[in-house]
């Protein structure tokens, strides 16, 4: 039987640099789509699958966000260049009201904001 995926919140397509901080590692990645509830992240290394981590997100035209999240699924994806990367689904577990409003309004408007991952500080 065909199972249809249902999103809790609409997603905005983005290319935002992100750093995932755990007690064991620091993993760099790029957010490919995001909502007020979660994000899809592409990264070279898989963060340790522990209880949770902090995501430091550098969104354009907004202050740096520090959100708590946890991995809810992961997969291996092929890049256009032919090398493999991890794709992870992250569910946000804590954020400020300001960050929640920003992500909610962004995904509701379905704006596409592109930021090259090479623009990291």
N, C-alpha and C. Protein backbone atom coordinates (compact mmCIF):
# COMPACT_ATOMS: atom_id res chain seq x y z
N UNK A 1 0.84 -1.17 0.00
CA UNK A 1 0.00 0.00 0.00
C UNK A 1 0.89 1.24 0.00
N UNK A 2 0.54 2.23 -0.78
CA UNK A 2 1.30 3.48 -0.90
C UNK A 2 1.06 4.33 0.34
N UNK A 3 2.16 4.74 0.97
CA UNK A 3 2.06 5.57 2.17
C UNK A 3 2.45 7.00 1.81
N UNK A 4 1.55 7.94 2.00
CA UNK A 4 1.80 9.33 1.69
C UNK A 4 2.45 10.03 2.87
N UNK A 5 3.54 10.77 2.59
CA UNK A 5 4.21 11.52 3.64
C UNK A 5 3.44 12.82 3.89
N UNK A 6 3.26 13.14 5.16
CA UNK A 6 2.56 14.36 5.52
C UNK A 6 3.49 15.25 6.32
N UNK A 7 3.62 16.47 5.90
CA UNK A 7 4.45 17.44 6.61
C UNK A 7 3.60 18.16 7.64
N UNK A 8 4.18 18.38 8.81
CA UNK A 8 3.49 19.13 9.85
C UNK A 8 3.48 20.61 9.49
N UNK A 9 4.56 21.09 8.86
CA UNK A 9 4.68 22.51 8.51
C UNK A 9 5.28 22.63 7.11
N UNK A 10 4.89 23.65 6.35
CA UNK A 10 5.47 23.84 5.02
C UNK A 10 6.96 24.14 5.12
N UNK A 11 7.70 23.76 4.07
CA UNK A 11 9.15 23.94 4.05
C UNK A 11 9.55 25.02 3.06
N UNK A 12 10.62 25.73 3.39
CA UNK A 12 11.23 26.70 2.48
C UNK A 12 12.54 26.10 1.98
N UNK A 13 12.78 26.20 0.68
CA UNK A 13 14.03 25.72 0.10
C UNK A 13 15.12 26.76 0.34
N UNK A 14 16.23 26.34 0.96
CA UNK A 14 17.32 27.25 1.31
C UNK A 14 18.66 26.57 1.06
N UNK A 15 19.72 27.32 1.22
CA UNK A 15 21.09 26.79 1.25
C UNK A 15 21.83 27.57 2.31
N UNK A 16 21.62 27.18 3.57
CA UNK A 16 22.19 27.89 4.71
C UNK A 16 23.26 27.05 5.38
N UNK A 17 24.40 27.65 5.68
CA UNK A 17 25.41 26.91 6.44
C UNK A 17 24.93 26.65 7.87
N UNK A 18 25.31 25.48 8.38
CA UNK A 18 24.93 25.10 9.74
C UNK A 18 26.08 24.35 10.39
N UNK A 19 26.23 24.56 11.68
CA UNK A 19 27.18 23.79 12.49
C UNK A 19 26.37 23.07 13.56
N UNK A 20 26.55 21.75 13.63
CA UNK A 20 25.86 20.95 14.64
C UNK A 20 26.86 20.60 15.73
N UNK A 21 26.54 21.00 16.95
CA UNK A 21 27.44 20.80 18.09
C UNK A 21 26.87 19.75 19.03
N UNK A 22 27.65 18.69 19.26
CA UNK A 22 27.27 17.67 20.22
C UNK A 22 28.34 17.63 21.31
N UNK A 23 28.14 16.80 22.29
CA UNK A 23 29.16 16.65 23.33
C UNK A 23 30.40 15.95 22.79
N UNK A 24 30.27 15.28 21.63
CA UNK A 24 31.37 14.51 21.07
C UNK A 24 31.98 15.10 19.80
N UNK A 25 31.26 15.97 19.10
CA UNK A 25 31.74 16.40 17.79
C UNK A 25 31.17 17.75 17.38
N UNK A 26 31.81 18.32 16.35
CA UNK A 26 31.35 19.53 15.67
C UNK A 26 31.24 19.14 14.20
N UNK A 27 30.02 19.19 13.65
CA UNK A 27 29.78 18.75 12.28
C UNK A 27 29.25 19.92 11.46
N UNK A 28 29.93 20.20 10.35
CA UNK A 28 29.51 21.27 9.43
C UNK A 28 28.57 20.67 8.38
N UNK A 29 27.59 21.46 7.96
CA UNK A 29 26.67 21.00 6.94
C UNK A 29 25.97 22.15 6.26
N UNK A 30 24.98 21.81 5.45
CA UNK A 30 24.19 22.81 4.75
C UNK A 30 22.72 22.42 4.85
N UNK A 31 21.90 23.36 5.29
CA UNK A 31 20.46 23.14 5.35
C UNK A 31 19.91 23.31 3.94
N UNK A 32 19.15 22.32 3.48
CA UNK A 32 18.56 22.35 2.13
C UNK A 32 17.11 22.81 2.16
N UNK A 33 16.38 22.45 3.22
CA UNK A 33 15.03 22.98 3.40
C UNK A 33 14.74 23.04 4.89
N UNK A 34 13.83 23.96 5.24
CA UNK A 34 13.60 24.24 6.67
C UNK A 34 12.17 24.69 6.89
N UNK A 35 11.66 24.39 8.08
CA UNK A 35 10.36 24.88 8.52
C UNK A 35 10.50 25.27 9.99
N UNK A 36 9.41 25.64 10.60
CA UNK A 36 9.45 25.98 12.02
C UNK A 36 9.54 24.72 12.89
N UNK A 37 9.42 23.56 12.28
CA UNK A 37 9.44 22.30 13.03
C UNK A 37 10.72 21.48 12.82
N UNK A 38 11.40 21.69 11.68
CA UNK A 38 12.58 20.88 11.41
C UNK A 38 13.28 21.28 10.13
N UNK A 39 14.30 20.48 9.76
CA UNK A 39 15.11 20.82 8.59
C UNK A 39 15.70 19.55 7.98
N UNK A 40 16.06 19.65 6.70
CA UNK A 40 16.84 18.62 6.03
C UNK A 40 18.24 19.17 5.87
N UNK A 41 19.23 18.43 6.36
CA UNK A 41 20.62 18.87 6.35
C UNK A 41 21.47 17.89 5.56
N UNK A 42 22.35 18.42 4.72
CA UNK A 42 23.33 17.63 3.99
C UNK A 42 24.69 17.87 4.65
N UNK A 43 25.44 16.78 4.92
CA UNK A 43 26.73 16.92 5.59
C UNK A 43 27.66 15.77 5.21
N UNK A 44 28.97 16.03 5.29
CA UNK A 44 29.98 15.01 4.99
C UNK A 44 30.05 13.95 6.08
N UNK A 45 29.88 14.36 7.32
CA UNK A 45 29.97 13.46 8.47
C UNK A 45 28.62 13.39 9.17
N UNK A 46 28.31 12.23 9.69
CA UNK A 46 27.06 12.07 10.43
C UNK A 46 27.29 12.43 11.90
N UNK A 47 26.50 13.35 12.44
CA UNK A 47 26.65 13.66 13.87
C UNK A 47 26.37 12.41 14.70
N UNK A 48 27.01 12.28 15.86
CA UNK A 48 26.70 11.14 16.73
C UNK A 48 25.21 11.10 17.04
N UNK A 49 24.66 9.90 16.98
CA UNK A 49 23.22 9.75 17.23
C UNK A 49 22.98 9.67 18.73
N UNK A 50 23.01 10.83 19.36
CA UNK A 50 22.75 10.91 20.79
C UNK A 50 21.42 11.62 21.00
N UNK A 51 21.14 11.98 22.22
CA UNK A 51 19.84 12.56 22.54
C UNK A 51 19.53 13.84 21.77
N UNK A 52 20.51 14.67 21.51
CA UNK A 52 20.25 15.92 20.82
C UNK A 52 21.52 16.72 20.65
N UNK A 53 21.38 17.88 20.01
CA UNK A 53 22.53 18.73 19.73
C UNK A 53 22.05 20.15 19.52
N UNK A 54 23.00 21.07 19.43
CA UNK A 54 22.70 22.47 19.14
C UNK A 54 23.05 22.72 17.68
N UNK A 55 22.15 23.38 16.96
CA UNK A 55 22.40 23.77 15.57
C UNK A 55 22.64 25.27 15.55
N UNK A 56 23.80 25.66 15.06
CA UNK A 56 24.13 27.08 14.88
C UNK A 56 23.87 27.38 13.42
N UNK A 57 22.81 28.16 13.15
CA UNK A 57 22.35 28.41 11.79
C UNK A 57 22.61 29.86 11.42
N UNK A 58 23.27 30.06 10.28
CA UNK A 58 23.57 31.40 9.77
C UNK A 58 22.62 31.72 8.62
N UNK A 59 21.46 32.26 8.95
CA UNK A 59 20.47 32.65 7.94
C UNK A 59 20.72 34.09 7.52
N UNK A 60 20.55 34.40 6.22
CA UNK A 60 20.73 35.78 5.78
C UNK A 60 19.64 36.68 6.35
N UNK A 61 19.98 37.93 6.60
CA UNK A 61 19.03 38.93 7.08
C UNK A 61 18.36 38.54 8.40
N UNK A 62 19.05 37.77 9.21
CA UNK A 62 18.54 37.37 10.53
C UNK A 62 19.74 37.06 11.41
N UNK A 63 19.58 37.25 12.68
CA UNK A 63 20.67 36.94 13.61
C UNK A 63 20.98 35.43 13.57
N UNK A 64 22.17 35.08 14.00
CA UNK A 64 22.53 33.67 14.09
C UNK A 64 21.58 32.97 15.05
N UNK A 65 21.06 31.82 14.62
CA UNK A 65 20.12 31.06 15.45
C UNK A 65 20.83 29.89 16.11
N UNK A 66 20.54 29.65 17.36
CA UNK A 66 21.02 28.49 18.10
C UNK A 66 19.81 27.67 18.51
N UNK A 67 19.53 26.61 17.74
CA UNK A 67 18.35 25.79 17.97
C UNK A 67 18.76 24.42 18.48
N UNK A 68 17.97 23.85 19.36
CA UNK A 68 18.19 22.47 19.78
C UNK A 68 17.43 21.56 18.83
N UNK A 69 18.03 20.43 18.51
CA UNK A 69 17.38 19.49 17.61
C UNK A 69 17.82 18.07 17.86
N UNK A 70 17.13 17.15 17.18
CA UNK A 70 17.51 15.75 17.25
C UNK A 70 17.30 15.13 15.87
N UNK A 71 18.12 14.13 15.55
CA UNK A 71 18.00 13.44 14.27
C UNK A 71 16.83 12.47 14.35
N UNK A 72 15.92 12.56 13.36
CA UNK A 72 14.79 11.64 13.33
C UNK A 72 14.92 10.61 12.21
N UNK A 73 15.77 10.88 11.23
CA UNK A 73 16.10 9.90 10.20
C UNK A 73 17.38 10.34 9.50
N UNK A 74 18.03 9.38 8.82
CA UNK A 74 19.23 9.70 8.05
C UNK A 74 19.31 8.79 6.84
N UNK A 75 20.05 9.24 5.83
CA UNK A 75 20.23 8.48 4.60
C UNK A 75 21.55 8.89 3.97
N UNK A 76 21.99 8.15 2.98
CA UNK A 76 23.17 8.52 2.20
C UNK A 76 22.67 9.04 0.86
N UNK A 77 23.16 10.20 0.43
CA UNK A 77 22.76 10.79 -0.84
C UNK A 77 23.98 11.03 -1.71
N UNK A 78 23.81 10.90 -3.02
CA UNK A 78 24.87 11.16 -3.98
C UNK A 78 24.82 12.63 -4.38
N UNK A 79 25.97 13.29 -4.38
CA UNK A 79 26.03 14.68 -4.82
C UNK A 79 26.16 14.71 -6.34
N UNK A 80 26.02 15.88 -6.93
CA UNK A 80 26.15 16.05 -8.38
C UNK A 80 27.56 15.67 -8.84
N UNK A 81 28.54 15.81 -7.96
CA UNK A 81 29.92 15.48 -8.29
C UNK A 81 30.20 13.99 -8.16
N UNK A 82 29.24 13.23 -7.66
CA UNK A 82 29.40 11.79 -7.55
C UNK A 82 29.88 11.29 -6.20
N UNK A 83 30.19 12.17 -5.27
CA UNK A 83 30.61 11.71 -3.95
C UNK A 83 29.39 11.60 -3.03
N UNK A 84 29.51 10.78 -2.03
CA UNK A 84 28.40 10.54 -1.11
C UNK A 84 28.43 11.51 0.07
N UNK A 85 27.25 11.88 0.50
CA UNK A 85 27.07 12.70 1.69
C UNK A 85 25.92 12.11 2.49
N UNK A 86 25.81 12.53 3.72
CA UNK A 86 24.68 12.13 4.54
C UNK A 86 23.57 13.16 4.40
N UNK A 87 22.36 12.70 4.39
CA UNK A 87 21.19 13.55 4.48
C UNK A 87 20.49 13.21 5.78
N UNK A 88 20.21 14.22 6.60
CA UNK A 88 19.56 13.94 7.88
C UNK A 88 18.32 14.81 8.06
N UNK A 89 17.31 14.20 8.61
CA UNK A 89 16.10 14.92 8.99
C UNK A 89 16.21 15.30 10.45
N UNK A 90 16.11 16.59 10.73
CA UNK A 90 16.25 17.09 12.09
C UNK A 90 14.92 17.65 12.57
N UNK A 91 14.51 17.26 13.74
CA UNK A 91 13.33 17.84 14.39
C UNK A 91 13.82 18.82 15.44
N UNK A 92 13.31 20.05 15.39
CA UNK A 92 13.70 21.05 16.39
C UNK A 92 13.00 20.73 17.71
N UNK A 93 13.76 20.84 18.79
CA UNK A 93 13.19 20.55 20.11
C UNK A 93 13.11 21.80 20.99
N UNK A 94 13.87 22.85 20.63
CA UNK A 94 13.79 24.10 21.39
C UNK A 94 14.35 25.24 20.56
N UNK A 95 13.66 26.41 20.63
CA UNK A 95 14.13 27.62 19.96
C UNK A 95 13.46 28.82 20.61
N UNK A 96 14.00 30.00 20.34
CA UNK A 96 13.39 31.21 20.88
C UNK A 96 12.11 31.53 20.12
N UNK A 97 11.25 32.34 20.71
CA UNK A 97 10.02 32.76 20.05
C UNK A 97 10.33 33.55 18.78
N UNK A 98 11.39 34.37 18.81
CA UNK A 98 11.79 35.15 17.64
C UNK A 98 12.22 34.24 16.49
N UNK A 99 13.01 33.22 16.78
CA UNK A 99 13.45 32.28 15.74
C UNK A 99 12.27 31.49 15.20
N UNK A 100 11.35 31.09 16.07
CA UNK A 100 10.17 30.36 15.64
C UNK A 100 9.32 31.21 14.69
N UNK A 101 9.11 32.47 15.03
CA UNK A 101 8.34 33.37 14.18
C UNK A 101 9.02 33.58 12.84
N UNK A 102 10.34 33.77 12.85
CA UNK A 102 11.09 33.95 11.61
C UNK A 102 10.94 32.74 10.70
N UNK A 103 11.14 31.54 11.23
CA UNK A 103 11.05 30.33 10.42
C UNK A 103 9.62 30.08 9.95
N UNK A 104 8.65 30.35 10.81
CA UNK A 104 7.25 30.17 10.44
C UNK A 104 6.86 31.10 9.29
N UNK A 105 7.20 32.38 9.41
CA UNK A 105 6.84 33.33 8.35
C UNK A 105 7.59 33.02 7.06
N UNK A 106 8.82 32.57 7.17
CA UNK A 106 9.59 32.23 5.98
C UNK A 106 8.99 31.05 5.23
N UNK A 107 8.66 30.00 5.96
CA UNK A 107 8.11 28.82 5.30
C UNK A 107 6.69 29.06 4.82
N UNK A 108 5.92 29.86 5.52
CA UNK A 108 4.56 30.19 5.08
C UNK A 108 4.58 30.98 3.78
N UNK A 109 5.54 31.87 3.65
CA UNK A 109 5.65 32.67 2.43
C UNK A 109 6.29 31.90 1.30
N UNK A 110 6.86 30.73 1.62
CA UNK A 110 7.55 29.87 0.64
C UNK A 110 8.57 30.64 -0.17
N UNK A 111 9.25 31.58 0.51
CA UNK A 111 10.33 32.29 -0.16
C UNK A 111 11.51 31.35 -0.29
N UNK A 112 12.24 31.48 -1.37
CA UNK A 112 13.47 30.73 -1.53
C UNK A 112 14.62 31.68 -1.29
N UNK A 113 15.42 31.39 -0.29
CA UNK A 113 16.56 32.21 0.05
C UNK A 113 17.80 31.38 -0.18
N UNK A 114 18.67 31.83 -1.05
CA UNK A 114 19.86 31.07 -1.37
C UNK A 114 21.09 31.73 -0.76
N UNK A 115 21.84 30.95 -0.02
CA UNK A 115 23.11 31.40 0.54
C UNK A 115 24.11 30.31 0.24
N UNK A 116 25.16 30.65 -0.42
CA UNK A 116 26.19 29.68 -0.74
C UNK A 116 26.89 29.24 0.53
N UNK A 117 27.17 27.95 0.63
CA UNK A 117 27.87 27.44 1.81
C UNK A 117 29.31 27.93 1.86
N UNK A 118 29.81 28.52 0.78
CA UNK A 118 31.16 29.06 0.78
C UNK A 118 31.21 30.43 1.44
N UNK A 119 30.06 30.99 1.81
CA UNK A 119 30.01 32.30 2.44
C UNK A 119 30.11 32.22 3.96
N UNK A 120 30.52 31.07 4.48
CA UNK A 120 30.67 30.91 5.93
C UNK A 120 31.75 31.82 6.45
N UNK A 121 31.56 32.29 7.67
CA UNK A 121 32.58 33.12 8.33
C UNK A 121 33.63 32.24 8.94
